[in-house]
Amino acid sequence: MKYFDHEKLDVYKAAIEFVVLINTIVEHLPRGRAYLADQLQRAGASVPLNIAEGAGEYSRNEKIRFYRMAKRSATECAGILDICHRLQIIEERNYSKARELLMRIVAMLTKMAKTSD
């Protein structure tokens, strides 16, 4: 089986895992918090999508640009999760797992943006 370049990246796999976790988190958000759910889903989906776009680029500068956009979306997710945590509308284990994943994703993207060729 052949793979796209982005499918081989650990950061892409972690980002997809994060999107799956977001789905679980959103299912448990209380009514009236649709704005948080929507923003989290959009920002979360943006992470693997930008990674995929970056991996498909030939230009080093374009790769870096997409990896930086993915990183910004990941840190946006961290902010949304912090809001949910402060409002006490997210389960502690999901919050912790999401933060761990985001820390890994951001660290990998930071390195990729500095070393892309």
PDB file of N, CA and C in Angstrom:
ATOM      1  N   MET A   1       0.841  -1.192   0.000  1.00  0.00           N
ATOM      2  CA  MET A   1       0.000   0.000   0.000  1.00  0.00           C
ATOM      3  C   MET A   1       0.879   1.246   0.000  1.00  0.00           C
ATOM      4  N   LYS A   2       0.549   2.198  -0.841  1.00  0.00           N
ATOM      5  CA  LYS A   2       1.291   3.450  -0.905  1.00  0.00           C
ATOM      6  C   LYS A   2       0.683   4.453   0.072  1.00  0.00           C
ATOM      7  N   TYR A   3       1.523   5.359   0.533  1.00  0.00           N
ATOM      8  CA  TYR A   3       1.084   6.357   1.493  1.00  0.00           C
ATOM      9  C   TYR A   3       1.422   7.752   0.989  1.00  0.00           C
ATOM     10  N   PHE A   4       0.615   8.717   1.398  1.00  0.00           N
ATOM     11  CA  PHE A   4       0.963  10.111   1.192  1.00  0.00           C
ATOM     12  C   PHE A   4       2.064  10.466   2.186  1.00  0.00           C
ATOM     13  N   ASP A   5       2.840  11.495   1.874  1.00  0.00           N
ATOM     14  CA  ASP A   5       3.946  11.902   2.752  1.00  0.00           C
ATOM     15  C   ASP A   5       3.475  12.186   4.178  1.00  0.00           C
ATOM     16  N   HIS A   6       2.348  12.876   4.310  1.00  0.00           N
ATOM     17  CA  HIS A   6       1.881  13.264   5.652  1.00  0.00           C
ATOM     18  C   HIS A   6       1.472  12.062   6.497  1.00  0.00           C
ATOM     19  N   GLU A   7       1.050  10.975   5.865  1.00  0.00           N
ATOM     20  CA  GLU A   7       0.600   9.802   6.613  1.00  0.00           C
ATOM     21  C   GLU A   7       1.746   9.083   7.320  1.00  0.00           C
ATOM     22  N   LYS A   8       2.967   9.389   6.934  1.00  0.00           N
ATOM     23  CA  LYS A   8       4.148   8.772   7.540  1.00  0.00           C
ATOM     24  C   LYS A   8       4.643   9.555   8.766  1.00  0.00           C
ATOM     25  N   LEU A   9       4.117  10.742   8.940  1.00  0.00           N
ATOM     26  CA  LEU A   9       4.598  11.621  10.014  1.00  0.00           C
ATOM     27  C   LEU A   9       3.944  11.305  11.361  1.00  0.00           C
ATOM     28  N   ASP A  10       4.768  11.178  12.394  1.00  0.00           N
ATOM     29  CA  ASP A  10       4.248  10.948  13.752  1.00  0.00           C
ATOM     30  C   ASP A  10       3.355  12.097  14.200  1.00  0.00           C
ATOM     31  N   VAL A  11       3.714  13.316  13.831  1.00  0.00           N
ATOM     32  CA  VAL A  11       2.919  14.472  14.234  1.00  0.00           C
ATOM     33  C   VAL A  11       1.524  14.410  13.609  1.00  0.00           C
ATOM     34  N   TYR A  12       1.436  13.927  12.398  1.00  0.00           N
ATOM     35  CA  TYR A  12       0.125  13.789  11.747  1.00  0.00           C
ATOM     36  C   TYR A  12      -0.714  12.742  12.477  1.00  0.00           C
ATOM     37  N   LYS A  13      -0.107  11.630  12.820  1.00  0.00           N
ATOM     38  CA  LYS A  13      -0.823  10.564  13.544  1.00  0.00           C
ATOM     39  C   LYS A  13      -1.311  11.071  14.903  1.00  0.00           C
ATOM     40  N   ALA A  14      -0.468  11.836  15.597  1.00  0.00           N
ATOM     41  CA  ALA A  14      -0.864  12.401  16.892  1.00  0.00           C
ATOM     42  C   ALA A  14      -2.000  13.414  16.711  1.00  0.00           C
ATOM     43  N   ALA A  15      -1.944  14.192  15.632  1.00  0.00           N
ATOM     44  CA  ALA A  15      -2.989  15.183  15.368  1.00  0.00           C
ATOM     45  C   ALA A  15      -4.325  14.509  15.073  1.00  0.00           C
ATOM     46  N   ILE A  16      -4.303  13.402  14.353  1.00  0.00           N
ATOM     47  CA  ILE A  16      -5.532  12.650  14.095  1.00  0.00           C
ATOM     48  C   ILE A  16      -6.073  12.069  15.401  1.00  0.00           C
ATOM     49  N   GLU A  17      -5.182  11.561  16.234  1.00  0.00           N
ATOM     50  CA  GLU A  17      -5.594  11.056  17.554  1.00  0.00           C
ATOM     51  C   GLU A  17      -6.248  12.171  18.362  1.00  0.00           C
ATOM     52  N   PHE A  18      -5.699  13.378  18.264  1.00  0.00           N
ATOM     53  CA  PHE A  18      -6.269  14.527  18.973  1.00  0.00           C
ATOM     54  C   PHE A  18      -7.670  14.849  18.461  1.00  0.00           C
ATOM     55  N   VAL A  19      -7.876  14.799  17.156  1.00  0.00           N
ATOM     56  CA  VAL A  19      -9.199  15.068  16.571  1.00  0.00           C
ATOM     57  C   VAL A  19     -10.218  14.055  17.087  1.00  0.00           C
ATOM     58  N   VAL A  20      -9.813  12.807  17.204  1.00  0.00           N
ATOM     59  CA  VAL A  20     -10.707  11.771  17.737  1.00  0.00           C
ATOM     60  C   VAL A  20     -11.053  12.087  19.196  1.00  0.00           C
ATOM     61  N   LEU A  21     -10.054  12.507  19.963  1.00  0.00           N
ATOM     62  CA  LEU A  21     -10.300  12.876  21.365  1.00  0.00           C
ATOM     63  C   LEU A  21     -11.220  14.093  21.456  1.00  0.00           C
ATOM     64  N   ILE A  22     -11.046  15.053  20.572  1.00  0.00           N
ATOM     65  CA  ILE A  22     -11.930  16.226  20.546  1.00  0.00           C
ATOM     66  C   ILE A  22     -13.382  15.785  20.384  1.00  0.00           C
ATOM     67  N   ASN A  23     -13.604  14.825  19.522  1.00  0.00           N
ATOM     68  CA  ASN A  23     -14.957  14.328  19.297  1.00  0.00           C
ATOM     69  C   ASN A  23     -15.575  13.832  20.608  1.00  0.00           C
ATOM     70  N   THR A  24     -14.805  13.111  21.392  1.00  0.00           N
ATOM     71  CA  THR A  24     -15.275  12.616  22.693  1.00  0.00           C
ATOM     72  C   THR A  24     -15.551  13.782  23.637  1.00  0.00           C
ATOM     73  N   ILE A  25     -14.649  14.745  23.663  1.00  0.00           N
ATOM     74  CA  ILE A  25     -14.812  15.902  24.544  1.00  0.00           C
ATOM     75  C   ILE A  25     -16.072  16.682  24.187  1.00  0.00           C
ATOM     76  N   VAL A  26     -16.264  16.936  22.916  1.00  0.00           N
ATOM     77  CA  VAL A  26     -17.412  17.724  22.442  1.00  0.00           C
ATOM     78  C   VAL A  26     -18.733  17.027  22.758  1.00  0.00           C
ATOM     79  N   GLU A  27     -18.754  15.716  22.656  1.00  0.00           N
ATOM     80  CA  GLU A  27     -19.979  14.963  22.974  1.00  0.00           C
ATOM     81  C   GLU A  27     -20.430  15.184  24.415  1.00  0.00           C
ATOM     82  N   HIS A  28     -19.490  15.502  25.305  1.00  0.00           N
ATOM     83  CA  HIS A  28     -19.808  15.658  26.718  1.00  0.00           C
ATOM     84  C   HIS A  28     -19.939  17.107  27.172  1.00  0.00           C
ATOM     85  N   LEU A  29     -19.767  18.044  26.253  1.00  0.00           N
ATOM     86  CA  LEU A  29     -19.947  19.446  26.651  1.00  0.00           C
ATOM     87  C   LEU A  29     -21.434  19.720  26.872  1.00  0.00           C
ATOM     88  N   PRO A  30     -21.745  20.527  27.879  1.00  0.00           N
ATOM     89  CA  PRO A  30     -23.155  20.820  28.164  1.00  0.00           C
ATOM     90  C   PRO A  30     -23.801  21.682  27.080  1.00  0.00           C
ATOM     91  N   ARG A  31     -25.107  21.618  27.013  1.00  0.00           N
ATOM     92  CA  ARG A  31     -25.852  22.491  26.096  1.00  0.00           C
ATOM     93  C   ARG A  31     -25.512  23.937  26.404  1.00  0.00           C
ATOM     94  N   GLY A  32     -25.554  24.749  25.403  1.00  0.00           N
ATOM     95  CA  GLY A  32     -25.231  26.153  25.600  1.00  0.00           C
ATOM     96  C   GLY A  32     -23.751  26.451  25.416  1.00  0.00           C
ATOM     97  N   ARG A  33     -22.971  25.442  25.135  1.00  0.00           N
ATOM     98  CA  ARG A  33     -21.529  25.639  24.928  1.00  0.00           C
ATOM     99  C   ARG A  33     -21.134  25.288  23.486  1.00  0.00           C
ATOM    100  N   ALA A  34     -22.080  25.402  22.574  1.00  0.00           N
ATOM    101  CA  ALA A  34     -21.849  25.062  21.167  1.00  0.00           C
ATOM    102  C   ALA A  34     -20.729  25.902  20.571  1.00  0.00           C
ATOM    103  N   TYR A  35     -20.606  27.137  21.023  1.00  0.00           N
ATOM    104  CA  TYR A  35     -19.546  28.002  20.498  1.00  0.00           C
ATOM    105  C   TYR A  35     -18.164  27.435  20.808  1.00  0.00           C
ATOM    106  N   LEU A  36     -18.000  26.861  22.005  1.00  0.00           N
ATOM    107  CA  LEU A  36     -16.721  26.243  22.364  1.00  0.00           C
ATOM    108  C   LEU A  36     -16.500  24.957  21.571  1.00  0.00           C
ATOM    109  N   ALA A  37     -17.550  24.170  21.443  1.00  0.00           N
ATOM    110  CA  ALA A  37     -17.458  22.912  20.688  1.00  0.00           C
ATOM    111  C   ALA A  37     -17.069  23.191  19.243  1.00  0.00           C
ATOM    112  N   ASP A  38     -17.743  24.159  18.641  1.00  0.00           N
ATOM    113  CA  ASP A  38     -17.475  24.488  17.243  1.00  0.00           C
ATOM    114  C   ASP A  38     -16.046  24.987  17.054  1.00  0.00           C
ATOM    115  N   GLN A  39     -15.614  25.876  17.918  1.00  0.00           N
ATOM    116  CA  GLN A  39     -14.260  26.436  17.811  1.00  0.00           C
ATOM    117  C   GLN A  39     -13.208  25.359  18.019  1.00  0.00           C
ATOM    118  N   LEU A  40     -13.439  24.458  18.981  1.00  0.00           N
ATOM    119  CA  LEU A  40     -12.497  23.373  19.245  1.00  0.00           C
ATOM    120  C   LEU A  40     -12.422  22.419  18.058  1.00  0.00           C
ATOM    121  N   GLN A  41     -13.558  22.095  17.482  1.00  0.00           N
ATOM    122  CA  GLN A  41     -13.567  21.199  16.325  1.00  0.00           C
ATOM    123  C   GLN A  41     -12.869  21.825  15.125  1.00  0.00           C
ATOM    124  N   ARG A  42     -13.121  23.086  14.888  1.00  0.00           N
ATOM    125  CA  ARG A  42     -12.492  23.766  13.741  1.00  0.00           C
ATOM    126  C   ARG A  42     -10.981  23.876  13.918  1.00  0.00           C
ATOM    127  N   ALA A  43     -10.556  24.344  15.065  1.00  0.00           N
ATOM    128  CA  ALA A  43      -9.123  24.491  15.321  1.00  0.00           C
ATOM    129  C   ALA A  43      -8.439  23.126  15.347  1.00  0.00           C
ATOM    130  N   GLY A  44      -9.112  22.154  15.944  1.00  0.00           N
ATOM    131  CA  GLY A  44      -8.539  20.806  16.019  1.00  0.00           C
ATOM    132  C   GLY A  44      -8.360  20.173  14.653  1.00  0.00           C
ATOM    133  N   ALA A  45      -9.357  20.304  13.790  1.00  0.00           N
ATOM    134  CA  ALA A  45      -9.270  19.741  12.442  1.00  0.00           C
ATOM    135  C   ALA A  45      -8.203  20.456  11.620  1.00  0.00           C
ATOM    136  N   SER A  46      -7.991  21.728  11.902  1.00  0.00           N
ATOM    137  CA  SER A  46      -6.996  22.513  11.179  1.00  0.00           C
ATOM    138  C   SER A  46      -5.578  21.984  11.386  1.00  0.00           C
ATOM    139  N   VAL A  47      -5.315  21.354  12.524  1.00  0.00           N
ATOM    140  CA  VAL A  47      -3.963  20.866  12.819  1.00  0.00           C
ATOM    141  C   VAL A  47      -3.532  19.803  11.799  1.00  0.00           C
ATOM    142  N   PRO A  48      -4.225  18.662  11.694  1.00  0.00           N
ATOM    143  CA  PRO A  48      -3.765  17.665  10.715  1.00  0.00           C
ATOM    144  C   PRO A  48      -3.908  18.137   9.264  1.00  0.00           C
ATOM    145  N   LEU A  49      -4.894  18.982   8.989  1.00  0.00           N
ATOM    146  CA  LEU A  49      -5.065  19.467   7.619  1.00  0.00           C
ATOM    147  C   LEU A  49      -3.881  20.328   7.183  1.00  0.00           C
ATOM    148  N   ASN A  50      -3.407  21.193   8.062  1.00  0.00           N
ATOM    149  CA  ASN A  50      -2.239  22.014   7.736  1.00  0.00           C
ATOM    150  C   ASN A  50      -0.959  21.192   7.676  1.00  0.00           C
ATOM    151  N   ILE A  51      -0.860  20.172   8.512  1.00  0.00           N
ATOM    152  CA  ILE A  51       0.297  19.270   8.446  1.00  0.00           C
ATOM    153  C   ILE A  51       0.316  18.567   7.087  1.00  0.00           C
ATOM    154  N   ALA A  52      -0.844  18.080   6.663  1.00  0.00           N
ATOM    155  CA  ALA A  52      -0.934  17.396   5.366  1.00  0.00           C
ATOM    156  C   ALA A  52      -0.553  18.342   4.229  1.00  0.00           C
ATOM    157  N   GLU A  53      -1.048  19.572   4.281  1.00  0.00           N
ATOM    158  CA  GLU A  53      -0.713  20.533   3.232  1.00  0.00           C
ATOM    159  C   GLU A  53       0.782  20.843   3.226  1.00  0.00           C
ATOM    160  N   GLY A  54       1.348  21.013   4.398  1.00  0.00           N
ATOM    161  CA  GLY A  54       2.780  21.300   4.488  1.00  0.00           C
ATOM    162  C   GLY A  54       3.637  20.167   3.970  1.00  0.00           C
ATOM    163  N   ALA A  55       3.253  18.946   4.320  1.00  0.00           N
ATOM    164  CA  ALA A  55       4.023  17.775   3.870  1.00  0.00           C
ATOM    165  C   ALA A  55       3.984  17.633   2.355  1.00  0.00           C
ATOM    166  N   GLY A  56       2.930  18.137   1.736  1.00  0.00           N
ATOM    167  CA  GLY A  56       2.791  18.041   0.292  1.00  0.00           C
ATOM    168  C   GLY A  56       3.495  19.137  -0.481  1.00  0.00           C
ATOM    169  N   GLU A  57       4.070  20.084   0.223  1.00  0.00           N
ATOM    170  CA  GLU A  57       4.755  21.203  -0.427  1.00  0.00           C
ATOM    171  C   GLU A  57       6.202  20.852  -0.751  1.00  0.00           C
ATOM    172  N   TYR A  58       6.704  21.446  -1.822  1.00  0.00           N
ATOM    173  CA  TYR A  58       8.115  21.281  -2.190  1.00  0.00           C
ATOM    174  C   TYR A  58       8.967  22.411  -1.631  1.00  0.00           C
ATOM    175  N   SER A  59       8.392  23.580  -1.557  1.00  0.00           N
ATOM    176  CA  SER A  59       9.112  24.750  -1.071  1.00  0.00           C
ATOM    177  C   SER A  59       9.299  24.673   0.437  1.00  0.00           C
ATOM    178  N   ARG A  60      10.526  24.883   0.883  1.00  0.00           N
ATOM    179  CA  ARG A  60      10.824  24.861   2.318  1.00  0.00           C
ATOM    180  C   ARG A  60      10.010  25.924   3.050  1.00  0.00           C
ATOM    181  N   ASN A  61       9.942  27.114   2.470  1.00  0.00           N
ATOM    182  CA  ASN A  61       9.195  28.202   3.109  1.00  0.00           C
ATOM    183  C   ASN A  61       7.717  27.876   3.233  1.00  0.00           C
ATOM    184  N   GLU A  62       7.142  27.234   2.228  1.00  0.00           N
ATOM    185  CA  GLU A  62       5.727  26.851   2.285  1.00  0.00           C
ATOM    186  C   GLU A  62       5.499  25.765   3.324  1.00  0.00           C
ATOM    187  N   LYS A  63       6.401  24.788   3.403  1.00  0.00           N
ATOM    188  CA  LYS A  63       6.297  23.752   4.434  1.00  0.00           C
ATOM    189  C   LYS A  63       6.245  24.405   5.812  1.00  0.00           C
ATOM    190  N   ILE A  64       7.214  25.290   6.042  1.00  0.00           N
ATOM    191  CA  ILE A  64       7.308  25.972   7.335  1.00  0.00           C
ATOM    192  C   ILE A  64       6.030  26.759   7.622  1.00  0.00           C
ATOM    193  N   ARG A  65       5.517  27.444   6.615  1.00  0.00           N
ATOM    194  CA  ARG A  65       4.301  28.237   6.806  1.00  0.00           C
ATOM    195  C   ARG A  65       3.129  27.360   7.265  1.00  0.00           C
ATOM    196  N   PHE A  66       2.947  26.204   6.625  1.00  0.00           N
ATOM    197  CA  PHE A  66       1.850  25.311   7.008  1.00  0.00           C
ATOM    198  C   PHE A  66       2.084  24.689   8.381  1.00  0.00           C
ATOM    199  N   TYR A  67       3.315  24.316   8.696  1.00  0.00           N
ATOM    200  CA  TYR A  67       3.596  23.744  10.015  1.00  0.00           C
ATOM    201  C   TYR A  67       3.373  24.787  11.110  1.00  0.00           C
ATOM    202  N   ARG A  68       3.685  26.050  10.823  1.00  0.00           N
ATOM    203  CA  ARG A  68       3.428  27.116  11.794  1.00  0.00           C
ATOM    204  C   ARG A  68       1.931  27.352  11.968  1.00  0.00           C
ATOM    205  N   MET A  69       1.170  27.262  10.881  1.00  0.00           N
ATOM    206  CA  MET A  69      -0.287  27.406  10.992  1.00  0.00           C
ATOM    207  C   MET A  69      -0.859  26.262  11.832  1.00  0.00           C
ATOM    208  N   ALA A  70      -0.354  25.050  11.622  1.00  0.00           N
ATOM    209  CA  ALA A  70      -0.808  23.899  12.412  1.00  0.00           C
ATOM    210  C   ALA A  70      -0.498  24.121  13.887  1.00  0.00           C
ATOM    211  N   LYS A  71       0.679  24.660  14.167  1.00  0.00           N
ATOM    212  CA  LYS A  71       1.072  24.944  15.561  1.00  0.00           C
ATOM    213  C   LYS A  71       0.155  25.990  16.181  1.00  0.00           C
ATOM    214  N   ARG A  72      -0.170  27.025  15.425  1.00  0.00           N
ATOM    215  CA  ARG A  72      -1.078  28.058  15.950  1.00  0.00           C
ATOM    216  C   ARG A  72      -2.450  27.466  16.268  1.00  0.00           C
ATOM    217  N   SER A  73      -2.934  26.591  15.403  1.00  0.00           N
ATOM    218  CA  SER A  73      -4.229  25.947  15.660  1.00  0.00           C
ATOM    219  C   SER A  73      -4.155  25.067  16.900  1.00  0.00           C
ATOM    220  N   ALA A  74      -3.029  24.384  17.079  1.00  0.00           N
ATOM    221  CA  ALA A  74      -2.857  23.527  18.266  1.00  0.00           C
ATOM    222  C   ALA A  74      -2.853  24.368  19.544  1.00  0.00           C
ATOM    223  N   THR A  75      -2.178  25.509  19.515  1.00  0.00           N
ATOM    224  CA  THR A  75      -2.166  26.344  20.722  1.00  0.00           C
ATOM    225  C   THR A  75      -3.527  26.999  20.948  1.00  0.00           C
ATOM    226  N   GLU A  76      -4.261  27.252  19.867  1.00  0.00           N
ATOM    227  CA  GLU A  76      -5.636  27.734  20.023  1.00  0.00           C
ATOM    228  C   GLU A  76      -6.473  26.680  20.743  1.00  0.00           C
ATOM    229  N   CYS A  77      -6.295  25.419  20.367  1.00  0.00           N
ATOM    230  CA  CYS A  77      -7.012  24.331  21.042  1.00  0.00           C
ATOM    231  C   CYS A  77      -6.676  24.297  22.527  1.00  0.00           C
ATOM    232  N   ALA A  78      -5.411  24.515  22.846  1.00  0.00           N
ATOM    233  CA  ALA A  78      -5.002  24.531  24.255  1.00  0.00           C
ATOM    234  C   ALA A  78      -5.757  25.617  25.015  1.00  0.00           C
ATOM    235  N   GLY A  79      -5.914  26.777  24.399  1.00  0.00           N
ATOM    236  CA  GLY A  79      -6.665  27.861  25.038  1.00  0.00           C
ATOM    237  C   GLY A  79      -8.127  27.509  25.246  1.00  0.00           C
ATOM    238  N   ILE A  80      -8.723  26.899  24.255  1.00  0.00           N
ATOM    239  CA  ILE A  80     -10.137  26.491  24.365  1.00  0.00           C
ATOM    240  C   ILE A  80     -10.295  25.461  25.477  1.00  0.00           C
ATOM    241  N   LEU A  81      -9.364  24.509  25.527  1.00  0.00           N
ATOM    242  CA  LEU A  81      -9.419  23.487  26.583  1.00  0.00           C
ATOM    243  C   LEU A  81      -9.254  24.118  27.964  1.00  0.00           C
ATOM    244  N   ASP A  82      -8.397  25.131  28.071  1.00  0.00           N
ATOM    245  CA  ASP A  82      -8.222  25.832  29.345  1.00  0.00           C
ATOM    246  C   ASP A  82      -9.523  26.513  29.778  1.00  0.00           C
ATOM    247  N   ILE A  83     -10.229  27.101  28.818  1.00  0.00           N
ATOM    248  CA  ILE A  83     -11.524  27.718  29.123  1.00  0.00           C
ATOM    249  C   ILE A  83     -12.492  26.657  29.638  1.00  0.00           C
ATOM    250  N   CYS A  84     -12.559  25.544  28.937  1.00  0.00           N
ATOM    251  CA  CYS A  84     -13.457  24.446  29.358  1.00  0.00           C
ATOM    252  C   CYS A  84     -13.089  23.944  30.747  1.00  0.00           C
ATOM    253  N   HIS A  85     -11.794  23.842  31.001  1.00  0.00           N
ATOM    254  CA  HIS A  85     -11.329  23.369  32.306  1.00  0.00           C
ATOM    255  C   HIS A  85     -11.709  24.358  33.401  1.00  0.00           C
ATOM    256  N   ARG A  86     -11.500  25.632  33.126  1.00  0.00           N
ATOM    257  CA  ARG A  86     -11.820  26.662  34.116  1.00  0.00           C
ATOM    258  C   ARG A  86     -13.318  26.730  34.400  1.00  0.00           C
ATOM    259  N   LEU A  87     -14.122  26.471  33.348  1.00  0.00           N
ATOM    260  CA  LEU A  87     -15.584  26.446  33.515  1.00  0.00           C
ATOM    261  C   LEU A  87     -16.073  25.119  34.105  1.00  0.00           C
ATOM    262  N   GLN A  88     -15.142  24.201  34.293  1.00  0.00           N
ATOM    263  CA  GLN A  88     -15.422  22.872  34.858  1.00  0.00           C
ATOM    264  C   GLN A  88     -16.451  22.108  34.022  1.00  0.00           C
ATOM    265  N   ILE A  89     -16.264  22.158  32.695  1.00  0.00           N
ATOM    266  CA  ILE A  89     -17.185  21.456  31.801  1.00  0.00           C
ATOM    267  C   ILE A  89     -16.472  20.376  30.990  1.00  0.00           C
ATOM    268  N   ILE A  90     -15.264  20.031  31.408  1.00  0.00           N
ATOM    269  CA  ILE A  90     -14.505  18.980  30.739  1.00  0.00           C
ATOM    270  C   ILE A  90     -14.003  17.998  31.796  1.00  0.00           C
ATOM    271  N   GLU A  91     -14.051  16.726  31.472  1.00  0.00           N
ATOM    272  CA  GLU A  91     -13.558  15.712  32.405  1.00  0.00           C
ATOM    273  C   GLU A  91     -12.042  15.859  32.544  1.00  0.00           C
ATOM    274  N   GLU A  92     -11.566  15.734  33.755  1.00  0.00           N
ATOM    275  CA  GLU A  92     -10.143  15.936  34.047  1.00  0.00           C
ATOM    276  C   GLU A  92      -9.251  15.013  33.214  1.00  0.00           C
ATOM    277  N   ARG A  93      -9.638  13.766  33.050  1.00  0.00           N
ATOM    278  CA  ARG A  93      -8.791  12.821  32.291  1.00  0.00           C
ATOM    279  C   ARG A  93      -8.729  13.206  30.814  1.00  0.00           C
ATOM    280  N   ASN A  94      -9.817  13.701  30.253  1.00  0.00           N
ATOM    281  CA  ASN A  94      -9.805  14.147  28.853  1.00  0.00           C
ATOM    282  C   ASN A  94      -8.978  15.415  28.695  1.00  0.00           C
ATOM    283  N   TYR A  95      -9.094  16.304  29.664  1.00  0.00           N
ATOM    284  CA  TYR A  95      -8.307  17.537  29.644  1.00  0.00           C
ATOM    285  C   TYR A  95      -6.813  17.212  29.690  1.00  0.00           C
ATOM    286  N   SER A  96      -6.428  16.330  30.602  1.00  0.00           N
ATOM    287  CA  SER A  96      -5.015  15.951  30.750  1.00  0.00           C
ATOM    288  C   SER A  96      -4.487  15.259  29.500  1.00  0.00           C
ATOM    289  N   LYS A  97      -5.268  14.329  28.965  1.00  0.00           N
ATOM    290  CA  LYS A  97      -4.846  13.598  27.765  1.00  0.00           C
ATOM    291  C   LYS A  97      -4.712  14.561  26.578  1.00  0.00           C
ATOM    292  N   ALA A  98      -5.666  15.473  26.430  1.00  0.00           N
ATOM    293  CA  ALA A  98      -5.627  16.439  25.334  1.00  0.00           C
ATOM    294  C   ALA A  98      -4.402  17.341  25.456  1.00  0.00           C
ATOM    295  N   ARG A  99      -4.113  17.798  26.654  1.00  0.00           N
ATOM    296  CA  ARG A  99      -2.934  18.658  26.863  1.00  0.00           C
ATOM    297  C   ARG A  99      -1.647  17.910  26.551  1.00  0.00           C
ATOM    298  N   GLU A 100      -1.558  16.665  26.968  1.00  0.00           N
ATOM    299  CA  GLU A 100      -0.368  15.854  26.675  1.00  0.00           C
ATOM    300  C   GLU A 100      -0.166  15.724  25.168  1.00  0.00           C
ATOM    301  N   LEU A 101      -1.239  15.399  24.465  1.00  0.00           N
ATOM    302  CA  LEU A 101      -1.158  15.277  23.006  1.00  0.00           C
ATOM    303  C   LEU A 101      -0.741  16.600  22.369  1.00  0.00           C
ATOM    304  N   LEU A 102      -1.357  17.688  22.815  1.00  0.00           N
ATOM    305  CA  LEU A 102      -1.026  18.993  22.252  1.00  0.00           C
ATOM    306  C   LEU A 102       0.426  19.375  22.521  1.00  0.00           C
ATOM    307  N   MET A 103       0.935  19.066  23.682  1.00  0.00           N
ATOM    308  CA  MET A 103       2.340  19.363  23.997  1.00  0.00           C
ATOM    309  C   MET A 103       3.258  18.604  23.038  1.00  0.00           C
ATOM    310  N   ARG A 104       2.948  17.342  22.787  1.00  0.00           N
ATOM    311  CA  ARG A 104       3.741  16.537  21.837  1.00  0.00           C
ATOM    312  C   ARG A 104       3.654  17.123  20.434  1.00  0.00           C
ATOM    313  N   ILE A 105       2.435  17.449  20.014  1.00  0.00           N
ATOM    314  CA  ILE A 105       2.206  17.980  18.671  1.00  0.00           C
ATOM    315  C   ILE A 105       2.951  19.305  18.481  1.00  0.00           C
ATOM    316  N   VAL A 106       2.813  20.212  19.435  1.00  0.00           N
ATOM    317  CA  VAL A 106       3.468  21.519  19.340  1.00  0.00           C
ATOM    318  C   VAL A 106       4.984  21.359  19.325  1.00  0.00           C
ATOM    319  N   ALA A 107       5.519  20.470  20.143  1.00  0.00           N
ATOM    320  CA  ALA A 107       6.969  20.246  20.166  1.00  0.00           C
ATOM    321  C   ALA A 107       7.461  19.727  18.811  1.00  0.00           C
ATOM    322  N   MET A 108       6.740  18.778  18.236  1.00  0.00           N
ATOM    323  CA  MET A 108       7.145  18.240  16.940  1.00  0.00           C
ATOM    324  C   MET A 108       7.034  19.302  15.848  1.00  0.00           C
ATOM    325  N   LEU A 109       5.954  20.063  15.859  1.00  0.00           N
ATOM    326  CA  LEU A 109       5.772  21.100  14.834  1.00  0.00           C
ATOM    327  C   LEU A 109       6.825  22.200  14.955  1.00  0.00           C
ATOM    328  N   THR A 110       7.189  22.543  16.171  1.00  0.00           N
ATOM    329  CA  THR A 110       8.220  23.548  16.385  1.00  0.00           C
ATOM    330  C   THR A 110       9.528  23.080  15.765  1.00  0.00           C
ATOM    331  N   LYS A 111       9.876  21.838  16.019  1.00  0.00           N
ATOM    332  CA  LYS A 111      11.105  21.270  15.455  1.00  0.00           C
ATOM    333  C   LYS A 111      11.015  21.210  13.930  1.00  0.00           C
ATOM    334  N   MET A 112       9.885  20.791  13.408  1.00  0.00           N
ATOM    335  CA  MET A 112       9.703  20.678  11.955  1.00  0.00           C
ATOM    336  C   MET A 112       9.807  22.040  11.269  1.00  0.00           C
ATOM    337  N   ALA A 113       9.274  23.065  11.905  1.00  0.00           N
ATOM    338  CA  ALA A 113       9.318  24.407  11.314  1.00  0.00           C
ATOM    339  C   ALA A 113      10.744  24.936  11.281  1.00  0.00           C
ATOM    340  N   LYS A 114      11.577  24.467  12.183  1.00  0.00           N
ATOM    341  CA  LYS A 114      12.968  24.928  12.226  1.00  0.00           C
ATOM    342  C   LYS A 114      13.872  24.135  11.298  1.00  0.00           C
ATOM    343  N   THR A 115      13.487  22.883  10.993  1.00  0.00           N
ATOM    344  CA  THR A 115      14.403  22.014  10.252  1.00  0.00           C
ATOM    345  C   THR A 115      13.858  21.547   8.902  1.00  0.00           C
ATOM    346  N   SER A 116      12.719  22.053   8.490  1.00  0.00           N
ATOM    347  CA  SER A 116      12.133  21.600   7.216  1.00  0.00           C
ATOM    348  C   SER A 116      13.062  21.851   6.051  1.00  0.00           C
ATOM    349  N   ASP A 117      13.072  20.854   5.153  1.00  0.00           N
ATOM    350  CA  ASP A 117      13.866  21.047   3.929  1.00  0.00           C
ATOM    351  C   ASP A 117      13.056  20.790   2.699  1.00  0.00           C
TER     352      ASP A 117
END
